[in-house]
Amino acid sequence: PGEVWSHIGMLEFPSHQRTLFISDAAVNAAPDSDRKVQIVKNGIAALQKLGIEKPRVALLSAVETLTSGMPSTIDAAVIAMLGQRGQLGNAVVDGPLAFDIAISKHCLEEKGITSPVDGAADLLVGDKLESANALFKGLVLFSAGAQSGGVVVGARIPIALGARSESPQSKENAIVLAMSLSR
């Protein structure tokens, strides 16, 4: 009661050494900046429960610069500043960041951008549900051998959440993820 619930999607790729998490692809359709802060806090807390002591959080947008015509860049910059001040907990938080530089050090270097996330984000936070949902489902469908699962966090206990089109393995992964977060 009184808490913001949010979705965390987990992805494991055969070609990627790290587990990648995406939020919020299922609960908050168009969160305002205060709700986005709570979504980030929920994600940080979940990743820390899973053993990632200092998660690297990338607040996604289409560009890395503040652009008045793209409100996602403004929200991302404000939330990143809260992270730099330690107001979001023990995490590295940066944004706005495009997807490629959030997960690839090579792309980061090619674009000549400096980010404390350093191309190795643990958690990608979309601006709205549409972008996070499309990213999550796109990565699941187009990454051969990817394992996925999703949970809702922020409630008293994590809630396993699977889409109707997900594989039985993904649904099982969601249950295991929820159990791991409930400890």
C-alpha atoms as a PDB file:
ATOM      1  CA  PRO A   1       0.000   0.000   0.000  1.00  0.00           C
ATOM      2  CA  GLY A   2       1.256   3.439  -0.933  1.00  0.00           C
ATOM      3  CA  GLU A   3       4.187   2.063  -2.903  1.00  0.00           C
ATOM      4  CA  VAL A   4       4.789   2.397  -6.619  1.00  0.00           C
ATOM      5  CA  TRP A   5       4.764  -0.934  -8.375  1.00  0.00           C
ATOM      6  CA  SER A   6       6.931  -1.434 -11.443  1.00  0.00           C
ATOM      7  CA  HIS A   7       7.998  -4.182 -13.798  1.00  0.00           C
ATOM      8  CA  ILE A   8      11.513  -5.558 -14.099  1.00  0.00           C
ATOM      9  CA  GLY A   9      12.302  -7.725 -17.090  1.00  0.00           C
ATOM     10  CA  MET A  10      15.378  -9.947 -16.973  1.00  0.00           C
ATOM     11  CA  LEU A  11      17.299 -11.009 -20.060  1.00  0.00           C
ATOM     12  CA  GLU A  12      20.212 -13.430 -20.341  1.00  0.00           C
ATOM     13  CA  PHE A  13      21.920 -13.746 -23.727  1.00  0.00           C
ATOM     14  CA  PRO A  14      24.308 -16.514 -24.769  1.00  0.00           C
ATOM     15  CA  SER A  15      26.614 -13.879 -26.304  1.00  0.00           C
ATOM     16  CA  HIS A  16      26.554 -11.409 -23.388  1.00  0.00           C
ATOM     17  CA  GLN A  17      28.351 -12.095 -20.114  1.00  0.00           C
ATOM     18  CA  ARG A  18      25.997  -9.946 -18.069  1.00  0.00           C
ATOM     19  CA  THR A  19      22.348 -10.291 -17.202  1.00  0.00           C
ATOM     20  CA  LEU A  20      20.412  -7.282 -18.448  1.00  0.00           C
ATOM     21  CA  PHE A  21      17.320  -5.873 -16.748  1.00  0.00           C
ATOM     22  CA  ILE A  22      14.739  -3.529 -18.282  1.00  0.00           C
ATOM     23  CA  SER A  23      12.106  -1.446 -16.514  1.00  0.00           C
ATOM     24  CA  ASP A  24       9.191  -0.637 -16.809  1.00  0.00           C
ATOM     25  CA  ALA A  25       7.782  -2.726 -19.647  1.00  0.00           C
ATOM     26  CA  ALA A  26       4.406  -3.655 -18.153  1.00  0.00           C
ATOM     27  CA  VAL A  27       2.985  -1.523 -15.326  1.00  0.00           C
ATOM     28  CA  ASN A  28       3.457   2.257 -15.571  1.00  0.00           C
ATOM     29  CA  ALA A  29       2.227   3.547 -18.945  1.00  0.00           C
ATOM     30  CA  ALA A  30       3.363   7.172 -18.800  1.00  0.00           C
ATOM     31  CA  PRO A  31       5.091   7.805 -15.477  1.00  0.00           C
ATOM     32  CA  ASP A  32       5.758  11.350 -14.337  1.00  0.00           C
ATOM     33  CA  SER A  33       9.236  12.216 -13.063  1.00  0.00           C
ATOM     34  CA  ASP A  34       8.399  11.351  -9.435  1.00  0.00           C
ATOM     35  CA  ARG A  35       7.134   7.920 -10.459  1.00  0.00           C
ATOM     36  CA  LYS A  36      10.238   7.395 -12.628  1.00  0.00           C
ATOM     37  CA  VAL A  37      12.387   8.045  -9.558  1.00  0.00           C
ATOM     38  CA  GLN A  38      10.506   5.298  -7.707  1.00  0.00           C
ATOM     39  CA  ILE A  39      10.822   2.955 -10.707  1.00  0.00           C
ATOM     40  CA  VAL A  40      14.592   3.489 -10.601  1.00  0.00           C
ATOM     41  CA  LYS A  41      14.674   2.920  -6.822  1.00  0.00           C
ATOM     42  CA  ASN A  42      12.642  -0.286  -7.232  1.00  0.00           C
ATOM     43  CA  GLY A  43      15.074  -1.492  -9.880  1.00  0.00           C
ATOM     44  CA  ILE A  44      18.136  -0.699  -7.785  1.00  0.00           C
ATOM     45  CA  ALA A  45      16.671  -2.492  -4.764  1.00  0.00           C
ATOM     46  CA  ALA A  46      15.772  -5.562  -6.861  1.00  0.00           C
ATOM     47  CA  LEU A  47      19.207  -5.820  -8.454  1.00  0.00           C
ATOM     48  CA  GLN A  48      20.879  -5.464  -5.067  1.00  0.00           C
ATOM     49  CA  LYS A  49      18.752  -8.343  -3.748  1.00  0.00           C
ATOM     50  CA  LEU A  50      20.042 -10.366  -6.692  1.00  0.00           C
ATOM     51  CA  GLY A  51      23.654  -9.676  -5.680  1.00  0.00           C
ATOM     52  CA  ILE A  52      24.542  -6.663  -7.835  1.00  0.00           C
ATOM     53  CA  GLU A  53      25.862  -4.432  -5.057  1.00  0.00           C
ATOM     54  CA  LYS A  54      26.179  -1.242  -7.115  1.00  0.00           C
ATOM     55  CA  PRO A  55      23.950  -1.520 -10.187  1.00  0.00           C
ATOM     56  CA  ARG A  56      24.701   0.563 -13.272  1.00  0.00           C
ATOM     57  CA  VAL A  57      21.457   2.223 -14.332  1.00  0.00           C
ATOM     58  CA  ALA A  58      20.949   3.803 -17.757  1.00  0.00           C
ATOM     59  CA  LEU A  59      18.001   6.142 -18.247  1.00  0.00           C
ATOM     60  CA  LEU A  60      17.158   5.684 -21.908  1.00  0.00           C
ATOM     61  CA  SER A  61      16.330   8.268 -24.518  1.00  0.00           C
ATOM     62  CA  ALA A  62      17.046   8.618 -28.231  1.00  0.00           C
ATOM     63  CA  VAL A  63      19.927  11.039 -27.629  1.00  0.00           C
ATOM     64  CA  GLU A  64      22.533  11.749 -24.958  1.00  0.00           C
ATOM     65  CA  THR A  65      22.022  15.513 -24.794  1.00  0.00           C
ATOM     66  CA  LEU A  66      19.390  17.633 -23.090  1.00  0.00           C
ATOM     67  CA  THR A  67      16.834  18.517 -25.731  1.00  0.00           C
ATOM     68  CA  SER A  68      13.814  20.655 -24.862  1.00  0.00           C
ATOM     69  CA  GLY A  69      11.716  18.912 -27.531  1.00  0.00           C
ATOM     70  CA  MET A  70      12.369  15.531 -25.880  1.00  0.00           C
ATOM     71  CA  PRO A  71      11.092  15.582 -22.285  1.00  0.00           C
ATOM     72  CA  SER A  72      12.665  12.152 -21.685  1.00  0.00           C
ATOM     73  CA  THR A  73      16.095  13.801 -21.804  1.00  0.00           C
ATOM     74  CA  ILE A  74      15.162  16.307 -19.109  1.00  0.00           C
ATOM     75  CA  ASP A  75      13.689  13.649 -16.782  1.00  0.00           C
ATOM     76  CA  ALA A  76      16.716  11.422 -17.324  1.00  0.00           C
ATOM     77  CA  ALA A  77      19.164  14.208 -16.518  1.00  0.00           C
ATOM     78  CA  VAL A  78      17.316  15.157 -13.328  1.00  0.00           C
ATOM     79  CA  ILE A  79      17.131  11.539 -12.143  1.00  0.00           C
ATOM     80  CA  ALA A  80      20.803  11.017 -13.011  1.00  0.00           C
ATOM     81  CA  MET A  81      21.664  14.037 -10.865  1.00  0.00           C
ATOM     82  CA  LEU A  82      19.754  12.489  -7.950  1.00  0.00           C
ATOM     83  CA  GLY A  83      21.830   9.339  -8.463  1.00  0.00           C
ATOM     84  CA  GLN A  84      25.095  11.290  -8.515  1.00  0.00           C
ATOM     85  CA  ARG A  85      24.102  12.895  -5.207  1.00  0.00           C
ATOM     86  CA  GLY A  86      23.450   9.486  -3.654  1.00  0.00           C
ATOM     87  CA  GLN A  87      19.708  10.089  -3.308  1.00  0.00           C
ATOM     88  CA  LEU A  88      18.817   6.850  -5.102  1.00  0.00           C
ATOM     89  CA  GLY A  89      21.015   4.530  -3.058  1.00  0.00           C
ATOM     90  CA  ASN A  90      24.220   2.726  -3.892  1.00  0.00           C
ATOM     91  CA  ALA A  91      24.110   2.788  -7.691  1.00  0.00           C
ATOM     92  CA  VAL A  92      25.686   4.394 -10.729  1.00  0.00           C
ATOM     93  CA  VAL A  93      22.914   6.266 -12.542  1.00  0.00           C
ATOM     94  CA  ASP A  94      23.291   8.158 -15.817  1.00  0.00           C
ATOM     95  CA  GLY A  95      21.108   9.587 -18.518  1.00  0.00           C
ATOM     96  CA  PRO A  96      19.952  10.448 -20.961  1.00  0.00           C
ATOM     97  CA  LEU A  97      21.673   7.603 -22.773  1.00  0.00           C
ATOM     98  CA  ALA A  98      20.854   5.940 -26.073  1.00  0.00           C
ATOM     99  CA  PHE A  99      20.528   2.162 -25.947  1.00  0.00           C
ATOM    100  CA  ASP A 100      23.747   1.493 -27.854  1.00  0.00           C
ATOM    101  CA  ILE A 101      26.013   3.422 -25.515  1.00  0.00           C
ATOM    102  CA  ALA A 102      24.221   2.127 -22.440  1.00  0.00           C
ATOM    103  CA  ILE A 103      25.260  -1.446 -23.245  1.00  0.00           C
ATOM    104  CA  SER A 104      28.345  -1.134 -25.462  1.00  0.00           C
ATOM    105  CA  LYS A 105      31.671   0.349 -24.462  1.00  0.00           C
ATOM    106  CA  HIS A 106      32.669   0.250 -28.131  1.00  0.00           C
ATOM    107  CA  CYS A 107      29.689   2.452 -29.118  1.00  0.00           C
ATOM    108  CA  LEU A 108      30.403   4.769 -26.199  1.00  0.00           C
ATOM    109  CA  GLU A 109      33.988   5.239 -27.377  1.00  0.00           C
ATOM    110  CA  GLU A 110      32.988   5.606 -31.052  1.00  0.00           C
ATOM    111  CA  LYS A 111      30.603   8.434 -30.142  1.00  0.00           C
ATOM    112  CA  GLY A 112      33.202  10.055 -27.876  1.00  0.00           C
ATOM    113  CA  ILE A 113      30.855  10.071 -24.900  1.00  0.00           C
ATOM    114  CA  THR A 114      31.855   9.721 -21.269  1.00  0.00           C
ATOM    115  CA  SER A 115      29.427   8.023 -18.905  1.00  0.00           C
ATOM    116  CA  PRO A 116      29.863   6.490 -15.464  1.00  0.00           C
ATOM    117  CA  VAL A 117      27.725   3.572 -16.710  1.00  0.00           C
ATOM    118  CA  ASP A 118      30.642   2.950 -19.111  1.00  0.00           C
ATOM    119  CA  GLY A 119      28.671   0.938 -21.673  1.00  0.00           C
ATOM    120  CA  ALA A 120      27.909  -1.772 -19.114  1.00  0.00           C
ATOM    121  CA  ALA A 121      24.395  -1.025 -17.831  1.00  0.00           C
ATOM    122  CA  ASP A 122      22.755  -3.590 -15.584  1.00  0.00           C
ATOM    123  CA  LEU A 123      19.369  -1.858 -15.691  1.00  0.00           C
ATOM    124  CA  LEU A 124      17.858   0.010 -18.626  1.00  0.00           C
ATOM    125  CA  VAL A 125      14.970   2.297 -17.687  1.00  0.00           C
ATOM    126  CA  GLY A 126      12.642   3.322 -20.499  1.00  0.00           C
ATOM    127  CA  ASP A 127      10.915   6.675 -20.556  1.00  0.00           C
ATOM    128  CA  LYS A 128       7.483   5.157 -21.087  1.00  0.00           C
ATOM    129  CA  LEU A 129       5.968   1.694 -21.105  1.00  0.00           C
ATOM    130  CA  GLU A 130       5.809   1.637 -24.928  1.00  0.00           C
ATOM    131  CA  SER A 131       9.556   2.031 -25.374  1.00  0.00           C
ATOM    132  CA  ALA A 132      10.532  -0.353 -22.580  1.00  0.00           C
ATOM    133  CA  ASN A 133       7.998  -2.950 -23.723  1.00  0.00           C
ATOM    134  CA  ALA A 134       9.130  -2.787 -27.359  1.00  0.00           C
ATOM    135  CA  LEU A 135      12.780  -3.041 -26.310  1.00  0.00           C
ATOM    136  CA  PHE A 136      12.175  -5.993 -23.975  1.00  0.00           C
ATOM    137  CA  LYS A 137      10.027  -7.965 -26.410  1.00  0.00           C
ATOM    138  CA  GLY A 138      12.280  -7.119 -29.350  1.00  0.00           C
ATOM    139  CA  LEU A 139      15.347  -8.395 -27.529  1.00  0.00           C
ATOM    140  CA  VAL A 140      13.527 -11.573 -26.488  1.00  0.00           C
ATOM    141  CA  LEU A 141      12.276 -12.301 -30.003  1.00  0.00           C
ATOM    142  CA  PHE A 142      15.392 -11.386 -31.978  1.00  0.00           C
ATOM    143  CA  SER A 143      18.101 -12.735 -29.669  1.00  0.00           C
ATOM    144  CA  ALA A 144      18.510 -16.412 -30.403  1.00  0.00           C
ATOM    145  CA  GLY A 145      18.743 -18.377 -27.196  1.00  0.00           C
ATOM    146  CA  ALA A 146      17.890 -15.455 -24.907  1.00  0.00           C
ATOM    147  CA  GLN A 147      16.317 -16.367 -21.584  1.00  0.00           C
ATOM    148  CA  SER A 148      13.825 -13.947 -20.076  1.00  0.00           C
ATOM    149  CA  GLY A 149      11.470 -13.475 -17.167  1.00  0.00           C
ATOM    150  CA  GLY A 150       9.587 -10.616 -15.594  1.00  0.00           C
ATOM    151  CA  VAL A 151       8.350  -9.592 -12.171  1.00  0.00           C
ATOM    152  CA  VAL A 152       6.451  -6.736 -10.596  1.00  0.00           C
ATOM    153  CA  VAL A 153       8.314  -5.149  -7.692  1.00  0.00           C
ATOM    154  CA  GLY A 154       7.281  -2.533  -5.156  1.00  0.00           C
ATOM    155  CA  ALA A 155       4.532  -4.636  -3.598  1.00  0.00           C
ATOM    156  CA  ARG A 156       4.987  -6.506  -0.321  1.00  0.00           C
ATOM    157  CA  ILE A 157       6.154  -9.508  -2.329  1.00  0.00           C
ATOM    158  CA  PRO A 158       7.379  -9.765  -5.938  1.00  0.00           C
ATOM    159  CA  ILE A 159       4.761 -10.872  -8.459  1.00  0.00           C
ATOM    160  CA  ALA A 160       5.791 -13.201 -11.300  1.00  0.00           C
ATOM    161  CA  LEU A 161       4.440 -11.761 -14.538  1.00  0.00           C
ATOM    162  CA  GLY A 162       4.435 -13.483 -17.889  1.00  0.00           C
ATOM    163  CA  ALA A 163       2.886 -12.514 -21.192  1.00  0.00           C
ATOM    164  CA  ARG A 164       0.508 -14.913 -22.929  1.00  0.00           C
ATOM    165  CA  SER A 165       2.975 -15.290 -25.800  1.00  0.00           C
ATOM    166  CA  GLU A 166       5.983 -16.113 -23.624  1.00  0.00           C
ATOM    167  CA  SER A 167       7.532 -19.539 -23.584  1.00  0.00           C
ATOM    168  CA  PRO A 168       6.985 -21.892 -20.663  1.00  0.00           C
ATOM    169  CA  GLN A 169      10.689 -21.383 -19.830  1.00  0.00           C
ATOM    170  CA  SER A 170      10.210 -17.611 -19.576  1.00  0.00           C
ATOM    171  CA  LYS A 171       7.238 -18.097 -17.269  1.00  0.00           C
ATOM    172  CA  GLU A 172       9.292 -20.449 -15.111  1.00  0.00           C
ATOM    173  CA  ASN A 173      12.131 -17.885 -15.088  1.00  0.00           C
ATOM    174  CA  ALA A 174       9.665 -15.252 -13.841  1.00  0.00           C
ATOM    175  CA  ILE A 175       8.664 -17.518 -10.949  1.00  0.00           C
ATOM    176  CA  VAL A 176      12.303 -18.198 -10.052  1.00  0.00           C
ATOM    177  CA  LEU A 177      13.104 -14.471 -10.253  1.00  0.00           C
ATOM    178  CA  ALA A 178      10.164 -13.621  -7.992  1.00  0.00           C
ATOM    179  CA  MET A 179      11.267 -16.271  -5.500  1.00  0.00           C
ATOM    180  CA  SER A 180      14.833 -14.930  -5.540  1.00  0.00           C
ATOM    181  CA  LEU A 181      13.585 -11.405  -4.851  1.00  0.00           C
ATOM    182  CA  SER A 182      11.309 -12.500  -2.010  1.00  0.00           C
ATOM    183  CA  ARG A 183      14.191 -13.568   0.225  1.00  0.00           C
END
